């Protein structure tokens, strides 16, 4: 996989949040560059959600080996989760509303669900 994905950092990102994002994304993907506003890494964006619960936004990615979701939680800062399969990403979030939004996005993008199983 040679695609470069971008995780946007909030405009008011703290040094601690930036460090957390870089460290946690770097556990699962090779980071290729970083600016004040974005972290770029080897992966492919497969979905995104806007504000839900106290997440400002969440992005989901396919990596060379697995799947990653990263989001900006207004209370907790940057949250990064990893799963072997895309349907594991929503399960990694505790809030049922966040899980539902991620599941809906993955179904809409035909990454999971019956539509995906029949896709060519």
PDB file of N, CA and C in Angstrom:
ATOM      1  N   UNK A   1       0.860  -1.175   0.000  1.00  0.00           N
ATOM      2  CA  UNK A   1       0.000   0.000   0.000  1.00  0.00           C
ATOM      3  C   UNK A   1       0.901   1.231   0.000  1.00  0.00           C
ATOM      4  N   UNK A   2       0.740   2.053  -1.010  1.00  0.00           N
ATOM      5  CA  UNK A   2       1.583   3.241  -1.097  1.00  0.00           C
ATOM      6  C   UNK A   2       0.785   4.525  -0.939  1.00  0.00           C
ATOM      7  N   UNK A   3      -0.494   4.407  -0.627  1.00  0.00           N
ATOM      8  CA  UNK A   3      -1.323   5.592  -0.454  1.00  0.00           C
ATOM      9  C   UNK A   3      -0.971   6.304   0.855  1.00  0.00           C
ATOM     10  N   UNK A   4      -1.078   7.618   0.816  1.00  0.00           N
ATOM     11  CA  UNK A   4      -0.788   8.421   2.009  1.00  0.00           C
ATOM     12  C   UNK A   4      -2.108   8.983   2.540  1.00  0.00           C
ATOM     13  N   UNK A   5      -2.401   8.678   3.800  1.00  0.00           N
ATOM     14  CA  UNK A   5      -3.603   9.169   4.461  1.00  0.00           C
ATOM     15  C   UNK A   5      -3.236  10.359   5.335  1.00  0.00           C
ATOM     16  N   UNK A   6      -4.224  11.173   5.620  1.00  0.00           N
ATOM     17  CA  UNK A   6      -4.011  12.340   6.477  1.00  0.00           C
ATOM     18  C   UNK A   6      -4.979  12.321   7.645  1.00  0.00           C
ATOM     19  N   UNK A   7      -4.463  12.549   8.838  1.00  0.00           N
ATOM     20  CA  UNK A   7      -5.311  12.764  10.004  1.00  0.00           C
ATOM     21  C   UNK A   7      -5.208  14.236  10.360  1.00  0.00           C
ATOM     22  N   UNK A   8      -6.337  14.963  10.269  1.00  0.00           N
ATOM     23  CA  UNK A   8      -6.305  16.396  10.571  1.00  0.00           C
ATOM     24  C   UNK A   8      -6.230  16.649  12.071  1.00  0.00           C
ATOM     25  N   UNK A   9      -5.437  17.601  12.452  1.00  0.00           N
ATOM     26  CA  UNK A   9      -5.351  18.008  13.853  1.00  0.00           C
ATOM     27  C   UNK A   9      -6.244  19.224  14.050  1.00  0.00           C
ATOM     28  N   UNK A  10      -6.896  19.315  15.204  1.00  0.00           N
ATOM     29  CA  UNK A  10      -7.769  20.475  15.436  1.00  0.00           C
ATOM     30  C   UNK A  10      -6.964  21.769  15.457  1.00  0.00           C
ATOM     31  N   UNK A  11      -7.620  22.869  15.137  1.00  0.00           N
ATOM     32  CA  UNK A  11      -6.916  24.154  15.083  1.00  0.00           C
ATOM     33  C   UNK A  11      -6.347  24.555  16.441  1.00  0.00           C
ATOM     34  N   UNK A  12      -6.958  24.075  17.509  1.00  0.00           N
ATOM     35  CA  UNK A  12      -6.468  24.405  18.849  1.00  0.00           C
ATOM     36  C   UNK A  12      -5.716  23.236  19.501  1.00  0.00           C
ATOM     37  N   UNK A  13      -5.095  22.398  18.661  1.00  0.00           N
ATOM     38  CA  UNK A  13      -4.389  21.221  19.179  1.00  0.00           C
ATOM     39  C   UNK A  13      -3.293  21.629  20.161  1.00  0.00           C
ATOM     40  N   UNK A  14      -3.184  20.877  21.235  1.00  0.00           N
ATOM     41  CA  UNK A  14      -2.107  21.113  22.200  1.00  0.00           C
ATOM     42  C   UNK A  14      -0.897  20.275  21.817  1.00  0.00           C
ATOM     43  N   UNK A  15       0.254  20.596  22.380  1.00  0.00           N
ATOM     44  CA  UNK A  15       1.450  19.793  22.133  1.00  0.00           C
ATOM     45  C   UNK A  15       1.243  18.361  22.607  1.00  0.00           C
ATOM     46  N   UNK A  16       0.535  18.206  23.722  1.00  0.00           N
ATOM     47  CA  UNK A  16       0.265  16.873  24.259  1.00  0.00           C
ATOM     48  C   UNK A  16      -0.618  16.065  23.300  1.00  0.00           C
ATOM     49  N   UNK A  17      -1.661  16.701  22.752  1.00  0.00           N
ATOM     50  CA  UNK A  17      -2.535  16.007  21.795  1.00  0.00           C
ATOM     51  C   UNK A  17      -1.773  15.635  20.526  1.00  0.00           C
ATOM     52  N   UNK A  18      -0.947  16.540  20.034  1.00  0.00           N
ATOM     53  CA  UNK A  18      -0.155  16.269  18.833  1.00  0.00           C
ATOM     54  C   UNK A  18       0.788  15.083  19.081  1.00  0.00           C
ATOM     55  N   UNK A  19       1.425  15.075  20.233  1.00  0.00           N
ATOM     56  CA  UNK A  19       2.333  13.995  20.599  1.00  0.00           C
ATOM     57  C   UNK A  19       1.586  12.661  20.714  1.00  0.00           C
ATOM     58  N   UNK A  20       0.417  12.692  21.346  1.00  0.00           N
ATOM     59  CA  UNK A  20      -0.393  11.486  21.486  1.00  0.00           C
ATOM     60  C   UNK A  20      -0.803  10.946  20.127  1.00  0.00           C
ATOM     61  N   UNK A  21      -1.277  11.820  19.247  1.00  0.00           N
ATOM     62  CA  UNK A  21      -1.696  11.401  17.911  1.00  0.00           C
ATOM     63  C   UNK A  21      -0.540  10.765  17.158  1.00  0.00           C
ATOM     64  N   UNK A  22       0.591  11.423  17.167  1.00  0.00           N
ATOM     65  CA  UNK A  22       1.755  10.903  16.450  1.00  0.00           C
ATOM     66  C   UNK A  22       2.214   9.563  17.028  1.00  0.00           C
ATOM     67  N   UNK A  23       2.286   9.475  18.344  1.00  0.00           N
ATOM     68  CA  UNK A  23       2.720   8.228  18.996  1.00  0.00           C
ATOM     69  C   UNK A  23       1.739   7.090  18.708  1.00  0.00           C
ATOM     70  N   UNK A  24       0.437   7.351  18.895  1.00  0.00           N
ATOM     71  CA  UNK A  24      -0.544   6.279  18.763  1.00  0.00           C
ATOM     72  C   UNK A  24      -0.765   5.853  17.317  1.00  0.00           C
ATOM     73  N   UNK A  25      -0.777   6.780  16.390  1.00  0.00           N
ATOM     74  CA  UNK A  25      -0.869   6.413  14.973  1.00  0.00           C
ATOM     75  C   UNK A  25       0.402   5.662  14.573  1.00  0.00           C
ATOM     76  N   UNK A  26       1.548   6.125  15.055  1.00  0.00           N
ATOM     77  CA  UNK A  26       2.830   5.500  14.739  1.00  0.00           C
ATOM     78  C   UNK A  26       2.974   4.077  15.250  1.00  0.00           C
ATOM     79  N   UNK A  27       2.153   3.671  16.206  1.00  0.00           N
ATOM     80  CA  UNK A  27       2.175   2.277  16.683  1.00  0.00           C
ATOM     81  C   UNK A  27       1.718   1.321  15.586  1.00  0.00           C
ATOM     82  N   UNK A  28       0.870   1.800  14.683  1.00  0.00           N
ATOM     83  CA  UNK A  28       0.223   0.933  13.703  1.00  0.00           C
ATOM     84  C   UNK A  28       0.546   1.266  12.256  1.00  0.00           C
ATOM     85  N   UNK A  29       1.034   2.476  11.989  1.00  0.00           N
ATOM     86  CA  UNK A  29       1.294   2.914  10.619  1.00  0.00           C
ATOM     87  C   UNK A  29       2.589   3.708  10.580  1.00  0.00           C
ATOM     88  N   UNK A  30       3.235   3.676   9.432  1.00  0.00           N
ATOM     89  CA  UNK A  30       4.456   4.452   9.252  1.00  0.00           C
ATOM     90  C   UNK A  30       4.081   5.902   8.961  1.00  0.00           C
ATOM     91  N   UNK A  31       4.503   6.807   9.832  1.00  0.00           N
ATOM     92  CA  UNK A  31       4.257   8.231   9.627  1.00  0.00           C
ATOM     93  C   UNK A  31       5.270   8.743   8.615  1.00  0.00           C
ATOM     94  N   UNK A  32       4.764   9.449   7.588  1.00  0.00           N
ATOM     95  CA  UNK A  32       5.652   9.935   6.530  1.00  0.00           C
ATOM     96  C   UNK A  32       5.940  11.424   6.639  1.00  0.00           C
ATOM     97  N   UNK A  33       5.029  12.181   7.277  1.00  0.00           N
ATOM     98  CA  UNK A  33       5.291  13.599   7.498  1.00  0.00           C
ATOM     99  C   UNK A  33       4.288  14.145   8.502  1.00  0.00           C
ATOM    100  N   UNK A  34       4.593  15.354   8.969  1.00  0.00           N
ATOM    101  CA  UNK A  34       3.736  15.997   9.965  1.00  0.00           C
ATOM    102  C   UNK A  34       3.862  17.506   9.790  1.00  0.00           C
ATOM    103  N   UNK A  35       2.712  18.195   9.894  1.00  0.00           N
ATOM    104  CA  UNK A  35       2.703  19.649   9.900  1.00  0.00           C
ATOM    105  C   UNK A  35       1.922  20.087  11.131  1.00  0.00           C
ATOM    106  N   UNK A  36       1.729  21.372  11.282  1.00  0.00           N
ATOM    107  CA  UNK A  36       0.929  21.868  12.406  1.00  0.00           C
ATOM    108  C   UNK A  36      -0.510  21.383  12.326  1.00  0.00           C
ATOM    109  N   UNK A  37      -1.000  21.111  11.113  1.00  0.00           N
ATOM    110  CA  UNK A  37      -2.412  20.804  10.923  1.00  0.00           C
ATOM    111  C   UNK A  37      -2.720  19.360  10.561  1.00  0.00           C
ATOM    112  N   UNK A  38      -1.717  18.543  10.255  1.00  0.00           N
ATOM    113  CA  UNK A  38      -1.998  17.191   9.767  1.00  0.00           C
ATOM    114  C   UNK A  38      -0.836  16.233  10.040  1.00  0.00           C
ATOM    115  N   UNK A  39      -1.199  14.970  10.262  1.00  0.00           N
ATOM    116  CA  UNK A  39      -0.221  13.884  10.329  1.00  0.00           C
ATOM    117  C   UNK A  39      -0.487  12.996   9.124  1.00  0.00           C
ATOM    118  N   UNK A  40       0.534  12.758   8.304  1.00  0.00           N
ATOM    119  CA  UNK A  40       0.416  11.916   7.113  1.00  0.00           C
ATOM    120  C   UNK A  40       1.102  10.582   7.385  1.00  0.00           C
ATOM    121  N   UNK A  41       0.422   9.509   6.960  1.00  0.00           N
ATOM    122  CA  UNK A  41       0.952   8.162   7.212  1.00  0.00           C
ATOM    123  C   UNK A  41       0.498   7.216   6.109  1.00  0.00           C
ATOM    124  N   UNK A  42       1.150   6.049   6.039  1.00  0.00           N
ATOM    125  CA  UNK A  42       0.789   5.043   5.042  1.00  0.00           C
ATOM    126  C   UNK A  42      -0.568   4.457   5.404  1.00  0.00           C
ATOM    127  N   UNK A  43      -1.547   4.697   4.567  1.00  0.00           N
ATOM    128  CA  UNK A  43      -2.893   4.201   4.791  1.00  0.00           C
ATOM    129  C   UNK A  43      -3.848   4.826   3.793  1.00  0.00           C
ATOM    130  N   UNK A  44      -5.110   4.417   3.906  1.00  0.00           N
ATOM    131  CA  UNK A  44      -6.146   4.913   3.002  1.00  0.00           C
ATOM    132  C   UNK A  44      -7.368   5.301   3.833  1.00  0.00           C
ATOM    133  N   UNK A  45      -7.860   6.508   3.642  1.00  0.00           N
ATOM    134  CA  UNK A  45      -9.071   6.952   4.324  1.00  0.00           C
ATOM    135  C   UNK A  45     -10.250   6.136   3.806  1.00  0.00           C
ATOM    136  N   UNK A  46     -11.013   5.504   4.728  1.00  0.00           N
ATOM    137  CA  UNK A  46     -12.176   4.717   4.307  1.00  0.00           C
ATOM    138  C   UNK A  46     -13.485   5.274   4.857  1.00  0.00           C
ATOM    139  N   UNK A  47     -13.416   6.277   5.721  1.00  0.00           N
ATOM    140  CA  UNK A  47     -14.649   6.853   6.247  1.00  0.00           C
ATOM    141  C   UNK A  47     -14.372   7.946   7.249  1.00  0.00           C
ATOM    142  N   UNK A  48     -15.398   8.755   7.495  1.00  0.00           N
ATOM    143  CA  UNK A  48     -15.250   9.834   8.464  1.00  0.00           C
ATOM    144  C   UNK A  48     -16.612  10.223   8.999  1.00  0.00           C
ATOM    145  N   UNK A  49     -16.615  10.730  10.222  1.00  0.00           N
ATOM    146  CA  UNK A  49     -17.850  11.231  10.814  1.00  0.00           C
ATOM    147  C   UNK A  49     -17.584  12.630  11.347  1.00  0.00           C
ATOM    148  N   UNK A  50     -18.640  13.389  11.421  1.00  0.00           N
ATOM    149  CA  UNK A  50     -18.550  14.733  11.984  1.00  0.00           C
ATOM    150  C   UNK A  50     -18.861  14.698  13.462  1.00  0.00           C
ATOM    151  N   UNK A  51     -19.298  15.773  14.001  1.00  0.00           N
ATOM    152  CA  UNK A  51     -19.541  15.827  15.440  1.00  0.00           C
ATOM    153  C   UNK A  51     -20.570  14.792  15.892  1.00  0.00           C
ATOM    154  N   UNK A  52     -20.202  14.036  16.898  1.00  0.00           N
ATOM    155  CA  UNK A  52     -21.109  13.099  17.554  1.00  0.00           C
ATOM    156  C   UNK A  52     -20.622  12.906  18.981  1.00  0.00           C
ATOM    157  N   UNK A  53     -21.562  13.009  19.917  1.00  0.00           N
ATOM    158  CA  UNK A  53     -21.277  12.917  21.338  1.00  0.00           C
ATOM    159  C   UNK A  53     -20.264  13.997  21.645  1.00  0.00           C
ATOM    160  N   UNK A  54     -19.101  13.706  22.246  1.00  0.00           N
ATOM    161  CA  UNK A  54     -18.117  14.772  22.414  1.00  0.00           C
ATOM    162  C   UNK A  54     -16.895  14.557  21.528  1.00  0.00           C
ATOM    163  N   UNK A  55     -17.107  13.831  20.403  1.00  0.00           N
ATOM    164  CA  UNK A  55     -16.079  13.735  19.370  1.00  0.00           C
ATOM    165  C   UNK A  55     -16.341  14.821  18.343  1.00  0.00           C
ATOM    166  N   UNK A  56     -15.348  15.671  18.130  1.00  0.00           N
ATOM    167  CA  UNK A  56     -15.461  16.710  17.115  1.00  0.00           C
ATOM    168  C   UNK A  56     -15.498  16.067  15.731  1.00  0.00           C
ATOM    169  N   UNK A  57     -14.654  15.047  15.528  1.00  0.00           N
ATOM    170  CA  UNK A  57     -14.622  14.299  14.279  1.00  0.00           C
ATOM    171  C   UNK A  57     -13.884  12.989  14.507  1.00  0.00           C
ATOM    172  N   UNK A  58     -14.145  12.028  13.623  1.00  0.00           N
ATOM    173  CA  UNK A  58     -13.458  10.737  13.643  1.00  0.00           C
ATOM    174  C   UNK A  58     -13.139  10.361  12.200  1.00  0.00           C
ATOM    175  N   UNK A  59     -11.970   9.795  11.983  1.00  0.00           N
ATOM    176  CA  UNK A  59     -11.570   9.313  10.661  1.00  0.00           C
ATOM    177  C   UNK A  59     -11.208   7.835  10.792  1.00  0.00           C
ATOM    178  N   UNK A  60     -11.539   7.044   9.754  1.00  0.00           N
ATOM    179  CA  UNK A  60     -11.211   5.617   9.737  1.00  0.00           C
ATOM    180  C   UNK A  60     -10.337   5.329   8.525  1.00  0.00           C
ATOM    181  N   UNK A  61      -9.357   4.451   8.722  1.00  0.00           N
ATOM    182  CA  UNK A  61      -8.353   4.181   7.696  1.00  0.00           C
ATOM    183  C   UNK A  61      -8.101   2.690   7.537  1.00  0.00           C
ATOM    184  N   UNK A  62      -7.789   2.296   6.302  1.00  0.00           N
ATOM    185  CA  UNK A  62      -7.273   0.968   6.036  1.00  0.00           C
ATOM    186  C   UNK A  62      -5.757   1.100   6.005  1.00  0.00           C
ATOM    187  N   UNK A  63      -5.081   0.240   6.762  1.00  0.00           N
ATOM    188  CA  UNK A  63      -3.621   0.233   6.824  1.00  0.00           C
ATOM    189  C   UNK A  63      -3.085  -0.981   6.076  1.00  0.00           C
ATOM    190  N   UNK A  64      -1.783  -1.040   5.836  1.00  0.00           N
ATOM    191  CA  UNK A  64      -1.238  -2.240   5.204  1.00  0.00           C
ATOM    192  C   UNK A  64      -1.591  -3.520   5.975  1.00  0.00           C
ATOM    193  N   UNK A  65      -1.687  -3.419   7.304  1.00  0.00           N
ATOM    194  CA  UNK A  65      -2.040  -4.582   8.130  1.00  0.00           C
ATOM    195  C   UNK A  65      -3.044  -4.157   9.189  1.00  0.00           C
ATOM    196  N   UNK A  66      -4.319  -4.093   8.819  1.00  0.00           N
ATOM    197  CA  UNK A  66      -5.355  -3.761   9.779  1.00  0.00           C
ATOM    198  C   UNK A  66      -6.056  -2.451   9.468  1.00  0.00           C
ATOM    199  N   UNK A  67      -6.775  -1.969  10.479  1.00  0.00           N
ATOM    200  CA  UNK A  67      -7.598  -0.766  10.336  1.00  0.00           C
ATOM    201  C   UNK A  67      -7.411   0.131  11.549  1.00  0.00           C
ATOM    202  N   UNK A  68      -7.537   1.421  11.335  1.00  0.00           N
ATOM    203  CA  UNK A  68      -7.306   2.391  12.395  1.00  0.00           C
ATOM    204  C   UNK A  68      -8.414   3.432  12.373  1.00  0.00           C
ATOM    205  N   UNK A  69      -8.842   3.838  13.558  1.00  0.00           N
ATOM    206  CA  UNK A  69      -9.753   4.974  13.696  1.00  0.00           C
ATOM    207  C   UNK A  69      -9.080   5.977  14.614  1.00  0.00           C
ATOM    208  N   UNK A  70      -9.164   7.235  14.254  1.00  0.00           N
ATOM    209  CA  UNK A  70      -8.601   8.307  15.075  1.00  0.00           C
ATOM    210  C   UNK A  70      -9.616   9.438  15.122  1.00  0.00           C
ATOM    211  N   UNK A  71      -9.759  10.016  16.296  1.00  0.00           N
ATOM    212  CA  UNK A  71     -10.723  11.084  16.443  1.00  0.00           C
ATOM    213  C   UNK A  71     -10.282  12.103  17.469  1.00  0.00           C
ATOM    214  N   UNK A  72     -10.947  13.251  17.420  1.00  0.00           N
ATOM    215  CA  UNK A  72     -10.676  14.289  18.394  1.00  0.00           C
ATOM    216  C   UNK A  72     -11.837  14.350  19.365  1.00  0.00           C
ATOM    217  N   UNK A  73     -11.588  13.854  20.560  1.00  0.00           N
ATOM    218  CA  UNK A  73     -12.559  13.864  21.645  1.00  0.00           C
ATOM    219  C   UNK A  73     -12.365  15.185  22.394  1.00  0.00           C
ATOM    220  N   UNK A  74     -13.406  15.991  22.446  1.00  0.00           N
ATOM    221  CA  UNK A  74     -13.291  17.316  23.055  1.00  0.00           C
ATOM    222  C   UNK A  74     -12.920  17.251  24.536  1.00  0.00           C
ATOM    223  N   UNK A  75     -13.195  16.141  25.202  1.00  0.00           N
ATOM    224  CA  UNK A  75     -12.871  16.002  26.621  1.00  0.00           C
ATOM    225  C   UNK A  75     -11.566  15.255  26.858  1.00  0.00           C
ATOM    226  N   UNK A  76     -11.295  14.260  26.022  1.00  0.00           N
ATOM    227  CA  UNK A  76     -10.144  13.377  26.246  1.00  0.00           C
ATOM    228  C   UNK A  76      -8.956  13.652  25.323  1.00  0.00           C
ATOM    229  N   UNK A  77      -9.137  14.464  24.307  1.00  0.00           N
ATOM    230  CA  UNK A  77      -8.056  14.715  23.352  1.00  0.00           C
ATOM    231  C   UNK A  77      -8.127  13.743  22.183  1.00  0.00           C
ATOM    232  N   UNK A  78      -6.993  13.432  21.603  1.00  0.00           N
ATOM    233  CA  UNK A  78      -6.926  12.542  20.451  1.00  0.00           C
ATOM    234  C   UNK A  78      -7.080  11.098  20.920  1.00  0.00           C
ATOM    235  N   UNK A  79      -7.966  10.365  20.246  1.00  0.00           N
ATOM    236  CA  UNK A  79      -8.202   8.953  20.538  1.00  0.00           C
ATOM    237  C   UNK A  79      -7.864   8.162  19.287  1.00  0.00           C
ATOM    238  N   UNK A  80      -7.068   7.095  19.446  1.00  0.00           N
ATOM    239  CA  UNK A  80      -6.681   6.236  18.328  1.00  0.00           C
ATOM    240  C   UNK A  80      -6.979   4.793  18.716  1.00  0.00           C
ATOM    241  N   UNK A  81      -7.652   4.044  17.825  1.00  0.00           N
ATOM    242  CA  UNK A  81      -7.929   2.631  18.064  1.00  0.00           C
ATOM    243  C   UNK A  81      -7.532   1.836  16.828  1.00  0.00           C
ATOM    244  N   UNK A  82      -7.209   0.562  17.038  1.00  0.00           N
ATOM    245  CA  UNK A  82      -6.795  -0.331  15.965  1.00  0.00           C
ATOM    246  C   UNK A  82      -7.671  -1.578  15.999  1.00  0.00           C
ATOM    247  N   UNK A  83      -7.931  -2.156  14.823  1.00  0.00           N
ATOM    248  CA  UNK A  83      -8.663  -3.416  14.721  1.00  0.00           C
ATOM    249  C   UNK A  83      -8.108  -4.206  13.538  1.00  0.00           C
ATOM    250  N   UNK A  84      -8.194  -5.522  13.627  1.00  0.00           N
ATOM    251  CA  UNK A  84      -7.751  -6.371  12.523  1.00  0.00           C
ATOM    252  C   UNK A  84      -8.675  -6.268  11.318  1.00  0.00           C
ATOM    253  N   UNK A  85      -9.977  -6.063  11.586  1.00  0.00           N
ATOM    254  CA  UNK A  85     -10.993  -5.966  10.541  1.00  0.00           C
ATOM    255  C   UNK A  85     -11.753  -4.657  10.712  1.00  0.00           C
ATOM    256  N   UNK A  86     -12.330  -4.111   9.632  1.00  0.00           N
ATOM    257  CA  UNK A  86     -13.006  -2.814   9.749  1.00  0.00           C
ATOM    258  C   UNK A  86     -14.185  -2.827  10.716  1.00  0.00           C
ATOM    259  N   UNK A  87     -14.893  -3.950  10.832  1.00  0.00           N
ATOM    260  CA  UNK A  87     -16.040  -3.979  11.741  1.00  0.00           C
ATOM    261  C   UNK A  87     -15.627  -3.917  13.206  1.00  0.00           C
ATOM    262  N   UNK A  88     -14.338  -4.060  13.481  1.00  0.00           N
ATOM    263  CA  UNK A  88     -13.842  -3.937  14.850  1.00  0.00           C
ATOM    264  C   UNK A  88     -13.641  -2.497  15.302  1.00  0.00           C
ATOM    265  N   UNK A  89     -13.578  -1.564  14.363  1.00  0.00           N
ATOM    266  CA  UNK A  89     -13.346  -0.163  14.738  1.00  0.00           C
ATOM    267  C   UNK A  89     -14.456   0.410  15.605  1.00  0.00           C
ATOM    268  N   UNK A  90     -15.730   0.305  15.204  1.00  0.00           N
ATOM    269  CA  UNK A  90     -16.782   0.859  16.065  1.00  0.00           C
ATOM    270  C   UNK A  90     -16.810   0.210  17.445  1.00  0.00           C
ATOM    271  N   UNK A  91     -16.533  -1.085  17.507  1.00  0.00           N
ATOM    272  CA  UNK A  91     -16.578  -1.819  18.775  1.00  0.00           C
ATOM    273  C   UNK A  91     -15.560  -1.293  19.783  1.00  0.00           C
ATOM    274  N   UNK A  92     -14.539  -0.609  19.309  1.00  0.00           N
ATOM    275  CA  UNK A  92     -13.483  -0.102  20.193  1.00  0.00           C
ATOM    276  C   UNK A  92     -13.906   1.157  20.947  1.00  0.00           C
ATOM    277  N   UNK A  93     -15.039   1.747  20.560  1.00  0.00           N
ATOM    278  CA  UNK A  93     -15.520   2.957  21.219  1.00  0.00           C
ATOM    279  C   UNK A  93     -16.623   2.589  22.212  1.00  0.00           C
ATOM    280  N   UNK A  94     -16.569   3.178  23.397  1.00  0.00           N
ATOM    281  CA  UNK A  94     -17.516   2.843  24.459  1.00  0.00           C
ATOM    282  C   UNK A  94     -18.912   3.400  24.210  1.00  0.00           C
ATOM    283  N   UNK A  95     -19.011   4.606  23.692  1.00  0.00           N
ATOM    284  CA  UNK A  95     -20.307   5.257  23.544  1.00  0.00           C
ATOM    285  C   UNK A  95     -21.100   4.620  22.406  1.00  0.00           C
ATOM    286  N   UNK A  96     -22.342   4.165  22.680  1.00  0.00           N
ATOM    287  CA  UNK A  96     -23.141   3.513  21.633  1.00  0.00           C
ATOM    288  C   UNK A  96     -23.477   4.430  20.460  1.00  0.00           C
ATOM    289  N   UNK A  97     -23.637   5.709  20.697  1.00  0.00           N
ATOM    290  CA  UNK A  97     -23.932   6.644  19.609  1.00  0.00           C
ATOM    291  C   UNK A  97     -22.732   6.773  18.671  1.00  0.00           C
ATOM    292  N   UNK A  98     -21.531   6.847  19.222  1.00  0.00           N
ATOM    293  CA  UNK A  98     -20.316   6.911  18.402  1.00  0.00           C
ATOM    294  C   UNK A  98     -20.186   5.630  17.586  1.00  0.00           C
ATOM    295  N   UNK A  99     -20.416   4.483  18.246  1.00  0.00           N
ATOM    296  CA  UNK A  99     -20.346   3.191  17.532  1.00  0.00           C
ATOM    297  C   UNK A  99     -21.336   3.170  16.366  1.00  0.00           C
ATOM    298  N   UNK A 100     -22.547   3.639  16.610  1.00  0.00           N
ATOM    299  CA  UNK A 100     -23.574   3.634  15.571  1.00  0.00           C
ATOM    300  C   UNK A 100     -23.159   4.501  14.378  1.00  0.00           C
ATOM    301  N   UNK A 101     -22.629   5.695  14.645  1.00  0.00           N
ATOM    302  CA  UNK A 101     -22.194   6.573  13.554  1.00  0.00           C
ATOM    303  C   UNK A 101     -21.078   5.922  12.738  1.00  0.00           C
ATOM    304  N   UNK A 102     -20.116   5.294  13.408  1.00  0.00           N
ATOM    305  CA  UNK A 102     -19.020   4.641  12.690  1.00  0.00           C
ATOM    306  C   UNK A 102     -19.531   3.448  11.880  1.00  0.00           C
ATOM    307  N   UNK A 103     -20.406   2.648  12.481  1.00  0.00           N
ATOM    308  CA  UNK A 103     -20.976   1.507  11.761  1.00  0.00           C
ATOM    309  C   UNK A 103     -21.740   1.982  10.532  1.00  0.00           C
ATOM    310  N   UNK A 104     -22.553   3.021  10.683  1.00  0.00           N
ATOM    311  CA  UNK A 104     -23.311   3.556   9.545  1.00  0.00           C
ATOM    312  C   UNK A 104     -22.387   4.044   8.439  1.00  0.00           C
ATOM    313  N   UNK A 105     -21.316   4.711   8.809  1.00  0.00           N
ATOM    314  CA  UNK A 105     -20.364   5.215   7.809  1.00  0.00           C
ATOM    315  C   UNK A 105     -19.699   4.058   7.069  1.00  0.00           C
ATOM    316  N   UNK A 106     -19.307   3.021   7.783  1.00  0.00           N
ATOM    317  CA  UNK A 106     -18.674   1.866   7.133  1.00  0.00           C
ATOM    318  C   UNK A 106     -19.653   1.138   6.216  1.00  0.00           C
ATOM    319  N   UNK A 107     -20.915   1.053   6.609  1.00  0.00           N
ATOM    320  CA  UNK A 107     -21.929   0.442   5.735  1.00  0.00           C
ATOM    321  C   UNK A 107     -22.177   1.334   4.514  1.00  0.00           C
ATOM    322  N   UNK A 108     -22.310   2.646   4.734  1.00  0.00           N
ATOM    323  CA  UNK A 108     -22.542   3.588   3.637  1.00  0.00           C
ATOM    324  C   UNK A 108     -21.421   3.513   2.602  1.00  0.00           C
ATOM    325  N   UNK A 109     -20.194   3.401   3.074  1.00  0.00           N
ATOM    326  CA  UNK A 109     -19.028   3.330   2.166  1.00  0.00           C
ATOM    327  C   UNK A 109     -18.815   1.928   1.606  1.00  0.00           C
ATOM    328  N   UNK A 110     -19.705   0.990   1.996  1.00  0.00           N
ATOM    329  CA  UNK A 110     -19.639  -0.407   1.545  1.00  0.00           C
ATOM    330  C   UNK A 110     -18.338  -1.090   1.973  1.00  0.00           C
ATOM    331  N   UNK A 111     -17.869  -0.738   3.162  1.00  0.00           N
ATOM    332  CA  UNK A 111     -16.680  -1.367   3.730  1.00  0.00           C
ATOM    333  C   UNK A 111     -17.079  -2.610   4.525  1.00  0.00           C
ATOM    334  N   UNK A 112     -18.263  -2.563   5.155  1.00  0.00           N
ATOM    335  CA  UNK A 112     -18.801  -3.703   5.909  1.00  0.00           C
ATOM    336  C   UNK A 112     -20.270  -3.861   5.553  1.00  0.00           C
ATOM    337  N   UNK A 113     -20.837  -4.990   5.938  1.00  0.00           N
ATOM    338  CA  UNK A 113     -22.262  -5.222   5.765  1.00  0.00           C
ATOM    339  C   UNK A 113     -22.571  -6.031   4.530  1.00  0.00           C
ATOM    340  N   UNK A 114     -23.856  -6.347   4.323  1.00  0.00           N
ATOM    341  CA  UNK A 114     -24.265  -7.188   3.200  1.00  0.00           C
ATOM    342  C   UNK A 114     -23.872  -6.609   1.849  1.00  0.00           C
ATOM    343  N   UNK A 115     -23.912  -5.270   1.721  1.00  0.00           N
ATOM    344  CA  UNK A 115     -23.540  -4.664   0.450  1.00  0.00           C
ATOM    345  C   UNK A 115     -22.084  -4.973   0.102  1.00  0.00           C
ATOM    346  N   UNK A 116     -21.238  -4.975   1.134  1.00  0.00           N
ATOM    347  CA  UNK A 116     -19.819  -5.227   0.917  1.00  0.00           C
ATOM    348  C   UNK A 116     -19.571  -6.670   0.503  1.00  0.00           C
ATOM    349  N   UNK A 117     -20.294  -7.592   1.117  1.00  0.00           N
ATOM    350  CA  UNK A 117     -20.084  -9.012   0.843  1.00  0.00           C
ATOM    351  C   UNK A 117     -20.358  -9.341  -0.622  1.00  0.00           C
ATOM    352  N   UNK A 118     -21.303  -8.634  -1.267  1.00  0.00           N
ATOM    353  CA  UNK A 118     -21.630  -8.894  -2.651  1.00  0.00           C
ATOM    354  C   UNK A 118     -20.899  -7.996  -3.625  1.00  0.00           C
ATOM    355  N   UNK A 119     -20.100  -7.094  -3.132  1.00  0.00           N
ATOM    356  CA  UNK A 119     -19.403  -6.145  -4.016  1.00  0.00           C
ATOM    357  C   UNK A 119     -18.301  -6.841  -4.783  1.00  0.00           C
ATOM    358  N   UNK A 120     -18.058  -6.340  -5.982  1.00  0.00           N
ATOM    359  CA  UNK A 120     -16.989  -6.924  -6.808  1.00  0.00           C
ATOM    360  C   UNK A 120     -15.699  -6.226  -6.554  1.00  0.00           C
TER     361      UNK A 120
END
